[in-house]
Every structure is written in structure tokens, then in C-alpha cells.
């Protein structure tokens, strides 16, 4: 896969996840823990980029 497709997939998954969290009003409650999924996406992206890129 090309890196651009991987980037687009990750952006779409993150957007859908944030929309779901917002629809259940979980963004205000879990704002202090937002760094954890951001770091998870960062390291997952590094892994996929090194493995398939």
C-alpha cells in the first residue's frame, strides 16, 4: 500500500471515532485522557509506515 492510502485510512478512522465519542458525549468526560489514543495512533502509524511503506 502507498503511504497516502494509509494516511487517509487513519484519518477516516480517527474522524469516525471522534464523531462516535462526541455523539455519546464522552469527549468532555475523557478530555484529560486524550493523549493516550493520540500516542497509540502515532506509534501504530510509525509501525505501519516502517513495515509497509
PDB file of N, CA and C in Angstrom:
ATOM      1  N   UNK A   1       0.831  -1.181   0.000  1.00  0.00           N
ATOM      2  CA  UNK A   1       0.000   0.000   0.000  1.00  0.00           C
ATOM      3  C   UNK A   1       0.876   1.245   0.000  1.00  0.00           C
ATOM      4  N   UNK A   2       0.385   2.237  -0.613  1.00  0.00           N
ATOM      5  CA  UNK A   2       1.112   3.503  -0.592  1.00  0.00           C
ATOM      6  C   UNK A   2       0.827   4.225   0.715  1.00  0.00           C
ATOM      7  N   UNK A   3       1.743   5.075   1.104  1.00  0.00           N
ATOM      8  CA  UNK A   3       1.608   5.792   2.374  1.00  0.00           C
ATOM      9  C   UNK A   3       0.406   6.718   2.386  1.00  0.00           C
ATOM     10  N   UNK A   4       0.047   7.273   1.257  1.00  0.00           N
ATOM     11  CA  UNK A   4      -1.085   8.195   1.213  1.00  0.00           C
ATOM     12  C   UNK A   4      -2.379   7.471   1.541  1.00  0.00           C
ATOM     13  N   UNK A   5      -2.531   6.232   1.086  1.00  0.00           N
ATOM     14  CA  UNK A   5      -3.739   5.472   1.398  1.00  0.00           C
ATOM     15  C   UNK A   5      -3.807   5.131   2.882  1.00  0.00           C
ATOM     16  N   UNK A   6      -2.680   4.798   3.462  1.00  0.00           N
ATOM     17  CA  UNK A   6      -2.635   4.513   4.893  1.00  0.00           C
ATOM     18  C   UNK A   6      -2.984   5.760   5.685  1.00  0.00           C
ATOM     19  N   UNK A   7      -2.461   6.916   5.272  1.00  0.00           N
ATOM     20  CA  UNK A   7      -2.784   8.176   5.945  1.00  0.00           C
ATOM     21  C   UNK A   7      -4.275   8.479   5.866  1.00  0.00           C
ATOM     22  N   UNK A   8      -4.862   8.283   4.700  1.00  0.00           N
ATOM     23  CA  UNK A   8      -6.290   8.554   4.524  1.00  0.00           C
ATOM     24  C   UNK A   8      -7.129   7.617   5.383  1.00  0.00           C
ATOM     25  N   UNK A   9      -6.756   6.358   5.451  1.00  0.00           N
ATOM     26  CA  UNK A   9      -7.492   5.393   6.269  1.00  0.00           C
ATOM     27  C   UNK A   9      -7.423   5.770   7.734  1.00  0.00           C
ATOM     28  N   UNK A  10      -6.260   6.161   8.216  1.00  0.00           N
ATOM     29  CA  UNK A  10      -6.106   6.537   9.624  1.00  0.00           C
ATOM     30  C   UNK A  10      -6.903   7.803   9.933  1.00  0.00           C
ATOM     31  N   UNK A  11      -6.902   8.764   9.031  1.00  0.00           N
ATOM     32  CA  UNK A  11      -7.669   9.990   9.245  1.00  0.00           C
ATOM     33  C   UNK A  11      -9.162   9.688   9.306  1.00  0.00           C
ATOM     34  N   UNK A  12      -9.639   8.831   8.408  1.00  0.00           N
ATOM     35  CA  UNK A  12     -11.062   8.479   8.409  1.00  0.00           C
ATOM     36  C   UNK A  12     -11.433   7.729   9.684  1.00  0.00           C
ATOM     37  N   UNK A  13     -10.597   6.795  10.120  1.00  0.00           N
ATOM     38  CA  UNK A  13     -10.880   6.046  11.347  1.00  0.00           C
ATOM     39  C   UNK A  13     -10.881   6.987  12.555  1.00  0.00           C
ATOM     40  N   UNK A  14      -9.936   7.901  12.616  1.00  0.00           N
ATOM     41  CA  UNK A  14      -9.895   8.855  13.728  1.00  0.00           C
ATOM     42  C   UNK A  14     -11.115   9.767  13.707  1.00  0.00           C
ATOM     43  N   UNK A  15     -11.539  10.216  12.535  1.00  0.00           N
ATOM     44  CA  UNK A  15     -12.708  11.085  12.438  1.00  0.00           C
ATOM     45  C   UNK A  15     -13.972  10.355  12.870  1.00  0.00           C
ATOM     46  N   UNK A  16     -14.131   9.127  12.429  1.00  0.00           N
ATOM     47  CA  UNK A  16     -15.308   8.343  12.824  1.00  0.00           C
ATOM     48  C   UNK A  16     -15.293   8.096  14.330  1.00  0.00           C
ATOM     49  N   UNK A  17     -14.130   7.790  14.875  1.00  0.00           N
ATOM     50  CA  UNK A  17     -14.026   7.585  16.320  1.00  0.00           C
ATOM     51  C   UNK A  17     -14.385   8.827  17.110  1.00  0.00           C
ATOM     52  N   UNK A  18     -13.904   9.975  16.662  1.00  0.00           N
ATOM     53  CA  UNK A  18     -14.228  11.223  17.358  1.00  0.00           C
ATOM     54  C   UNK A  18     -15.711  11.590  17.225  1.00  0.00           C
ATOM     55  N   UNK A  19     -16.294  11.305  16.076  1.00  0.00           N
ATOM     56  CA  UNK A  19     -17.724  11.560  15.903  1.00  0.00           C
ATOM     57  C   UNK A  19     -18.538  10.664  16.833  1.00  0.00           C
ATOM     58  N   UNK A  20     -18.137   9.399  16.953  1.00  0.00           N
ATOM     59  CA  UNK A  20     -18.847   8.498  17.865  1.00  0.00           C
ATOM     60  C   UNK A  20     -18.699   8.938  19.315  1.00  0.00           C
ATOM     61  N   UNK A  21     -17.498   9.332  19.705  1.00  0.00           N
ATOM     62  CA  UNK A  21     -17.304   9.814  21.072  1.00  0.00           C
ATOM     63  C   UNK A  21     -18.122  11.065  21.342  1.00  0.00           C
ATOM     64  N   UNK A  22     -18.209  11.942  20.357  1.00  0.00           N
ATOM     65  CA  UNK A  22     -18.982  13.166  20.529  1.00  0.00           C
ATOM     66  C   UNK A  22     -20.478  12.880  20.597  1.00  0.00           C
ATOM     67  N   UNK A  23     -20.937  11.899  19.840  1.00  0.00           N
ATOM     68  CA  UNK A  23     -22.366  11.588  19.857  1.00  0.00           C
ATOM     69  C   UNK A  23     -22.815  10.995  21.188  1.00  0.00           C
ATOM     70  N   UNK A  24     -21.901  10.345  21.898  1.00  0.00           N
ATOM     71  CA  UNK A  24     -22.222   9.798  23.221  1.00  0.00           C
ATOM     72  C   UNK A  24     -21.804  10.731  24.356  1.00  0.00           C
ATOM     73  N   UNK A  25     -21.415  11.952  24.019  1.00  0.00           N
ATOM     74  CA  UNK A  25     -20.983  12.967  24.998  1.00  0.00           C
ATOM     75  C   UNK A  25     -19.845  12.467  25.886  1.00  0.00           C
ATOM     76  N   UNK A  26     -18.898  11.767  25.300  1.00  0.00           N
ATOM     77  CA  UNK A  26     -17.763  11.253  26.057  1.00  0.00           C
ATOM     78  C   UNK A  26     -16.513  12.120  25.920  1.00  0.00           C
ATOM     79  N   UNK A  27     -16.549  13.115  25.042  1.00  0.00           N
ATOM     80  CA  UNK A  27     -15.358  13.933  24.854  1.00  0.00           C
ATOM     81  C   UNK A  27     -15.087  14.833  26.051  1.00  0.00           C
ATOM     82  N   UNK A  28     -16.128  15.361  26.664  1.00  0.00           N
ATOM     83  CA  UNK A  28     -15.923  16.234  27.822  1.00  0.00           C
ATOM     84  C   UNK A  28     -15.436  15.446  29.030  1.00  0.00           C
ATOM     85  N   UNK A  29     -15.954  14.234  29.171  1.00  0.00           N
ATOM     86  CA  UNK A  29     -15.607  13.416  30.338  1.00  0.00           C
ATOM     87  C   UNK A  29     -14.191  12.864  30.253  1.00  0.00           C
ATOM     88  N   UNK A  30     -13.730  12.580  29.048  1.00  0.00           N
ATOM     89  CA  UNK A  30     -12.436  11.924  28.900  1.00  0.00           C
ATOM     90  C   UNK A  30     -11.377  12.824  28.268  1.00  0.00           C
ATOM     91  N   UNK A  31     -11.531  14.133  28.368  1.00  0.00           N
ATOM     92  CA  UNK A  31     -10.596  15.054  27.725  1.00  0.00           C
ATOM     93  C   UNK A  31      -9.190  14.929  28.294  1.00  0.00           C
ATOM     94  N   UNK A  32      -9.074  14.605  29.576  1.00  0.00           N
ATOM     95  CA  UNK A  32      -7.743  14.500  30.163  1.00  0.00           C
ATOM     96  C   UNK A  32      -7.013  13.231  29.739  1.00  0.00           C
ATOM     97  N   UNK A  33      -7.717  12.280  29.139  1.00  0.00           N
ATOM     98  CA  UNK A  33      -7.090  11.040  28.694  1.00  0.00           C
ATOM     99  C   UNK A  33      -6.908  10.986  27.179  1.00  0.00           C
ATOM    100  N   UNK A  34      -7.075  12.107  26.480  1.00  0.00           N
ATOM    101  CA  UNK A  34      -6.981  12.126  25.024  1.00  0.00           C
ATOM    102  C   UNK A  34      -5.562  11.861  24.508  1.00  0.00           C
ATOM    103  N   UNK A  35      -4.562  12.063  25.335  1.00  0.00           N
ATOM    104  CA  UNK A  35      -3.190  11.841  24.895  1.00  0.00           C
ATOM    105  C   UNK A  35      -2.927  10.361  24.626  1.00  0.00           C
ATOM    106  N   UNK A  36      -3.591   9.484  25.328  1.00  0.00           N
ATOM    107  CA  UNK A  36      -3.364   8.045  25.176  1.00  0.00           C
ATOM    108  C   UNK A  36      -3.724   7.554  23.769  1.00  0.00           C
ATOM    109  N   UNK A  37      -4.941   7.823  23.237  1.00  0.00           N
ATOM    110  CA  UNK A  37      -5.211   7.365  21.870  1.00  0.00           C
ATOM    111  C   UNK A  37      -4.383   8.079  20.815  1.00  0.00           C
ATOM    112  N   UNK A  38      -4.027   9.338  21.077  1.00  0.00           N
ATOM    113  CA  UNK A  38      -3.182  10.053  20.118  1.00  0.00           C
ATOM    114  C   UNK A  38      -1.812   9.382  20.032  1.00  0.00           C
ATOM    115  N   UNK A  39      -1.242   9.033  21.171  1.00  0.00           N
ATOM    116  CA  UNK A  39       0.043   8.326  21.160  1.00  0.00           C
ATOM    117  C   UNK A  39      -0.079   6.941  20.539  1.00  0.00           C
ATOM    118  N   UNK A  40      -1.197   6.265  20.788  1.00  0.00           N
ATOM    119  CA  UNK A  40      -1.406   4.943  20.188  1.00  0.00           C
ATOM    120  C   UNK A  40      -1.450   5.049  18.664  1.00  0.00           C
ATOM    121  N   UNK A  41      -2.184   6.049  18.140  1.00  0.00           N
ATOM    122  CA  UNK A  41      -2.215   6.247  16.690  1.00  0.00           C
ATOM    123  C   UNK A  41      -0.837   6.611  16.150  1.00  0.00           C
ATOM    124  N   UNK A  42      -0.085   7.382  16.890  1.00  0.00           N
ATOM    125  CA  UNK A  42       1.250   7.778  16.444  1.00  0.00           C
ATOM    126  C   UNK A  42       2.160   6.560  16.294  1.00  0.00           C
ATOM    127  N   UNK A  43       2.203   5.721  17.336  1.00  0.00           N
ATOM    128  CA  UNK A  43       3.083   4.551  17.272  1.00  0.00           C
ATOM    129  C   UNK A  43       2.567   3.504  16.291  1.00  0.00           C
ATOM    130  N   UNK A  44       1.254   3.385  16.156  1.00  0.00           N
ATOM    131  CA  UNK A  44       0.697   2.479  15.157  1.00  0.00           C
ATOM    132  C   UNK A  44       1.049   2.957  13.750  1.00  0.00           C
ATOM    133  N   UNK A  45       0.978   4.264  13.531  1.00  0.00           N
ATOM    134  CA  UNK A  45       1.342   4.819  12.239  1.00  0.00           C
ATOM    135  C   UNK A  45       2.818   4.632  11.916  1.00  0.00           C
ATOM    136  N   UNK A  46       3.665   4.797  12.916  1.00  0.00           N
ATOM    137  CA  UNK A  46       5.092   4.550  12.708  1.00  0.00           C
ATOM    138  C   UNK A  46       5.347   3.090  12.339  1.00  0.00           C
ATOM    139  N   UNK A  47       4.673   2.178  13.025  1.00  0.00           N
ATOM    140  CA  UNK A  47       4.846   0.749  12.769  1.00  0.00           C
ATOM    141  C   UNK A  47       4.394   0.397  11.348  1.00  0.00           C
ATOM    142  N   UNK A  48       3.206   0.874  10.966  1.00  0.00           N
ATOM    143  CA  UNK A  48       2.688   0.569   9.632  1.00  0.00           C
ATOM    144  C   UNK A  48       3.554   1.224   8.568  1.00  0.00           C
ATOM    145  N   UNK A  49       4.012   2.431   8.815  1.00  0.00           N
ATOM    146  CA  UNK A  49       4.852   3.121   7.840  1.00  0.00           C
ATOM    147  C   UNK A  49       6.178   2.417   7.623  1.00  0.00           C
ATOM    148  N   UNK A  50       6.752   1.906   8.695  1.00  0.00           N
ATOM    149  CA  UNK A  50       8.030   1.198   8.559  1.00  0.00           C
ATOM    150  C   UNK A  50       7.839  -0.189   7.956  1.00  0.00           C
ATOM    151  N   UNK A  51       6.738  -0.823   8.245  1.00  0.00           N
ATOM    152  CA  UNK A  51       6.528  -2.185   7.781  1.00  0.00           C
ATOM    153  C   UNK A  51       6.067  -2.234   6.322  1.00  0.00           C
ATOM    154  N   UNK A  52       5.128  -1.358   5.954  1.00  0.00           N
ATOM    155  CA  UNK A  52       4.538  -1.412   4.619  1.00  0.00           C
ATOM    156  C   UNK A  52       4.942  -0.256   3.726  1.00  0.00           C
ATOM    157  N   UNK A  53       5.639   0.709   4.264  1.00  0.00           N
ATOM    158  CA  UNK A  53       5.965   1.901   3.470  1.00  0.00           C
ATOM    159  C   UNK A  53       7.246   1.848   2.825  1.00  0.00           C
TER     160      UNK A  53
END
